[in-house]
């Protein structure tokens, strides 16, 4: 996000609300990449990374050293939760999001954490924007689909999930949890999966 402390404060209020039904002694929020890089993450039970511009997020993580800090935390069985851009960075390559986010920071190393067996992650897939007409939403989905198909031909497989689903990595399994179908793109093809077929072997 932009370095606007008021927006950070609203994010802090939001995450407190989201976790209000869970017994958590405290929540700390970092406001800079450098602060995140300096944290001893093993002192925390979980790390949440939210949305924003994916290129800016990954660029800041890598330049500050926070990327390595998080990678070490994951390697030591740390729990990480990512939403939107915060989820995309845990896939193979964030360039999958180029049809949604602009690369204003001119990031060249677009490789993510690759924690999902060489899958790149596309979020918000098939979700409609309320301000758009049906035709505009259809055109938006077609734009995303064509971009993902092109990506899968050259850069590898993609898992595309709607807002209502989440990807849970547990040991050797990747599980999709939610209520709506998700899609896997490989070599320019798209396959639809119902949520009952939710285990993807690594």
Protein backbone atom coordinates (compact mmCIF):
# COMPACT_ATOMS: atom_id res chain seq x y z
CA UNK A 1 0.00 0.00 0.00
CA UNK A 2 0.99 3.61 -0.23
CA UNK A 3 2.80 4.95 2.82
CA UNK A 4 -0.37 6.50 4.19
CA UNK A 5 -0.60 5.89 7.91
CA UNK A 6 -4.35 6.54 7.98
CA UNK A 7 -4.92 3.66 5.54
CA UNK A 8 -2.67 1.44 7.64
CA UNK A 9 -4.76 2.26 10.70
CA UNK A 10 -7.92 1.21 8.86
CA UNK A 11 -6.21 -2.05 7.85
CA UNK A 12 -5.36 -2.71 11.48
CA UNK A 13 -8.99 -2.18 12.46
CA UNK A 14 -10.09 -4.48 9.64
CA UNK A 15 -7.84 -7.41 10.63
CA UNK A 16 -8.92 -7.06 14.26
CA UNK A 17 -12.52 -7.35 13.12
CA UNK A 18 -11.79 -10.33 10.88
CA UNK A 19 -10.14 -12.20 13.75
CA UNK A 20 -12.48 -11.04 16.52
CA UNK A 21 -13.95 -14.54 16.99
CA UNK A 22 -10.49 -16.10 17.47
CA UNK A 23 -8.60 -15.96 20.75
CA UNK A 24 -5.48 -13.97 19.84
CA UNK A 25 -3.46 -12.22 22.56
CA UNK A 26 -2.19 -9.46 20.26
CA UNK A 27 -1.76 -8.41 16.66
CA UNK A 28 1.22 -6.36 15.51
CA UNK A 29 1.31 -4.49 12.21
CA UNK A 30 4.42 -3.50 10.29
CA UNK A 31 4.34 -0.30 8.25
CA UNK A 32 7.53 -0.76 6.22
CA UNK A 33 9.32 -3.59 4.44
CA UNK A 34 12.42 -2.88 6.49
CA UNK A 35 10.49 -3.34 9.72
CA UNK A 36 9.21 -6.70 8.49
CA UNK A 37 12.74 -7.72 7.47
CA UNK A 38 14.03 -6.98 10.98
CA UNK A 39 11.35 -8.98 12.83
CA UNK A 40 12.23 -12.25 14.54
CA UNK A 41 9.29 -14.10 12.99
CA UNK A 42 9.70 -17.20 15.11
CA UNK A 43 8.26 -15.11 17.95
CA UNK A 44 4.93 -14.99 16.10
CA UNK A 45 2.30 -17.69 15.64
CA UNK A 46 1.34 -16.50 12.14
CA UNK A 47 2.01 -13.86 9.51
CA UNK A 48 -0.72 -12.25 7.40
CA UNK A 49 0.11 -10.45 4.15
CA UNK A 50 -2.69 -8.51 2.49
CA UNK A 51 -3.36 -7.13 -0.95
CA UNK A 52 -2.27 -4.18 -3.05
CA UNK A 53 -0.05 -4.02 -6.12
CA UNK A 54 1.69 -7.40 -6.42
CA UNK A 55 4.78 -6.06 -8.19
CA UNK A 56 5.31 -3.36 -5.59
CA UNK A 57 4.83 -5.89 -2.79
CA UNK A 58 7.36 -8.41 -4.14
CA UNK A 59 9.84 -5.67 -5.07
CA UNK A 60 9.76 -4.27 -1.53
CA UNK A 61 10.07 -7.70 0.06
CA UNK A 62 13.10 -8.61 -2.02
CA UNK A 63 14.94 -5.27 -1.75
CA UNK A 64 14.48 -5.06 2.03
CA UNK A 65 15.45 -8.63 2.89
CA UNK A 66 11.95 -9.42 4.16
CA UNK A 67 11.59 -12.04 1.42
CA UNK A 68 14.42 -14.11 2.91
CA UNK A 69 13.07 -13.59 6.42
CA UNK A 70 9.66 -14.94 5.40
CA UNK A 71 11.22 -17.81 3.42
CA UNK A 72 13.21 -18.88 6.48
CA UNK A 73 10.04 -18.65 8.59
CA UNK A 74 8.15 -20.92 6.18
CA UNK A 75 11.06 -23.38 6.10
CA UNK A 76 10.81 -23.63 9.89
CA UNK A 77 7.07 -24.47 9.63
CA UNK A 78 5.81 -20.93 10.17
CA UNK A 79 2.19 -20.23 9.25
CA UNK A 80 1.60 -17.61 6.56
CA UNK A 81 -1.77 -16.37 5.30
CA UNK A 82 -1.93 -14.31 2.12
CA UNK A 83 -4.82 -12.44 0.55
CA UNK A 84 -4.91 -11.22 -3.06
CA UNK A 85 -1.39 -9.91 -3.84
CA UNK A 86 -0.30 -11.46 -0.54
CA UNK A 87 -1.32 -14.85 -1.96
CA UNK A 88 0.04 -14.37 -5.49
CA UNK A 89 3.60 -13.92 -4.18
CA UNK A 90 3.58 -17.49 -2.82
CA UNK A 91 3.16 -18.93 -6.30
CA UNK A 92 5.85 -19.60 -8.90
CA UNK A 93 5.76 -16.31 -10.85
CA UNK A 94 3.75 -13.15 -10.13
CA UNK A 95 3.73 -12.14 -13.81
CA UNK A 96 0.50 -14.15 -13.91
CA UNK A 97 -1.14 -11.01 -12.48
CA UNK A 98 -0.02 -8.67 -15.29
CA UNK A 99 -3.59 -8.41 -16.65
CA UNK A 100 -4.73 -7.06 -13.26
CA UNK A 101 -1.72 -5.19 -11.80
CA UNK A 102 0.72 -2.78 -13.46
CA UNK A 103 4.46 -3.22 -13.02
CA UNK A 104 5.19 0.44 -12.24
CA UNK A 105 8.26 -0.50 -10.15
CA UNK A 106 9.83 -2.19 -13.23
CA UNK A 107 10.40 -5.44 -11.32
CA UNK A 108 12.42 -7.91 -13.41
CA UNK A 109 12.76 -10.79 -10.95
CA UNK A 110 9.10 -11.81 -10.78
CA UNK A 111 9.65 -15.24 -9.21
CA UNK A 112 7.63 -15.75 -6.03
CA UNK A 113 8.16 -18.04 -3.06
CA UNK A 114 7.06 -21.03 -5.17
CA UNK A 115 5.41 -22.79 -2.24
CA UNK A 116 2.66 -24.38 -4.32
CA UNK A 117 4.49 -26.94 -6.44
CA UNK A 118 5.36 -24.63 -9.36
CA UNK A 119 1.81 -23.30 -9.65
CA UNK A 120 1.35 -19.58 -10.19
CA UNK A 121 -1.74 -18.16 -8.47
CA UNK A 122 -4.47 -16.00 -10.00
CA UNK A 123 -6.96 -14.65 -7.40
CA UNK A 124 -10.46 -13.15 -7.80
CA UNK A 125 -11.06 -15.32 -10.89
CA UNK A 126 -14.71 -15.38 -12.14
CA UNK A 127 -15.75 -12.78 -9.53
CA UNK A 128 -17.95 -9.99 -10.85
CA UNK A 129 -17.49 -6.31 -10.09
CA UNK A 130 -20.78 -4.79 -9.00
CA UNK A 131 -20.11 -1.48 -10.78
CA UNK A 132 -19.78 -3.22 -14.15
CA UNK A 133 -22.53 -4.43 -16.48
CA UNK A 134 -22.83 -8.13 -17.34
CA UNK A 135 -21.16 -7.43 -20.68
CA UNK A 136 -18.30 -5.56 -19.02
CA UNK A 137 -17.80 -8.34 -16.49
CA UNK A 138 -17.76 -10.90 -19.29
CA UNK A 139 -15.14 -8.89 -21.17
CA UNK A 140 -13.08 -8.60 -17.98
CA UNK A 141 -13.20 -12.37 -17.42
CA UNK A 142 -12.25 -13.03 -21.06
CA UNK A 143 -9.28 -10.68 -20.69
CA UNK A 144 -8.09 -12.55 -17.60
CA UNK A 145 -8.68 -15.98 -19.18
CA UNK A 146 -6.77 -15.13 -22.37
CA UNK A 147 -3.89 -13.73 -20.33
CA UNK A 148 -3.72 -16.86 -18.13
CA UNK A 149 -3.85 -19.17 -21.16
CA UNK A 150 -0.98 -17.29 -22.77
CA UNK A 151 1.01 -17.39 -19.52
CA UNK A 152 0.45 -21.15 -19.10
CA UNK A 153 1.90 -21.83 -22.56
CA UNK A 154 5.25 -20.25 -21.73
CA UNK A 155 5.67 -19.94 -17.95
CA UNK A 156 3.88 -22.94 -16.49
CA UNK A 157 0.75 -24.07 -14.72
CA UNK A 158 -1.71 -21.79 -12.96
CA UNK A 159 -4.41 -22.25 -10.35
CA UNK A 160 -7.16 -19.62 -10.60
CA UNK A 161 -9.55 -19.26 -7.68
CA UNK A 162 -12.59 -17.08 -6.95
CA UNK A 163 -12.99 -14.82 -3.93
CA UNK A 164 -14.85 -17.50 -2.02
CA UNK A 165 -12.05 -20.10 -2.16
CA UNK A 166 -8.67 -20.45 -0.49
CA UNK A 167 -5.61 -22.61 -1.15
CA UNK A 168 -4.33 -24.53 1.87
CA UNK A 169 -0.85 -26.06 1.65
CA UNK A 170 -0.42 -28.86 4.17
CA UNK A 171 2.64 -31.09 3.85
CA UNK A 172 2.58 -32.77 0.44
CA UNK A 173 -0.99 -31.77 -0.38
CA UNK A 174 -2.51 -28.63 -1.80
CA UNK A 175 -6.15 -28.35 -0.80
CA UNK A 176 -8.71 -25.93 -2.18
CA UNK A 177 -11.33 -24.98 0.40
CA UNK A 178 -14.42 -22.94 -0.39
CA UNK A 179 -17.76 -22.91 -2.15
CA UNK A 180 -17.15 -22.22 -5.85
CA UNK A 181 -15.31 -24.01 -8.68
CA UNK A 182 -11.64 -23.31 -9.32
CA UNK A 183 -9.62 -23.69 -12.53
CA UNK A 184 -6.26 -25.14 -13.47
CA UNK A 185 -4.46 -23.94 -16.58
CA UNK A 186 -1.73 -26.05 -18.19
CA UNK A 187 -0.09 -25.68 -21.60
CA UNK A 188 -2.80 -23.34 -22.86
CA UNK A 189 -5.76 -25.42 -21.65
CA UNK A 190 -8.26 -24.66 -18.88
CA UNK A 191 -9.93 -27.29 -16.69
CA UNK A 192 -12.72 -26.61 -14.22
CA UNK A 193 -12.79 -28.36 -10.84
CA UNK A 194 -15.65 -28.54 -8.38
CA UNK A 195 -14.71 -27.95 -4.77
CA UNK A 196 -15.32 -31.66 -4.00
CA UNK A 197 -12.22 -32.49 -6.09
CA UNK A 198 -10.11 -30.33 -3.86
CA UNK A 199 -6.84 -32.21 -3.32
CA UNK A 200 -4.03 -31.39 -5.73
CA UNK A 201 -0.95 -33.54 -5.22
CA UNK A 202 2.38 -31.73 -5.25
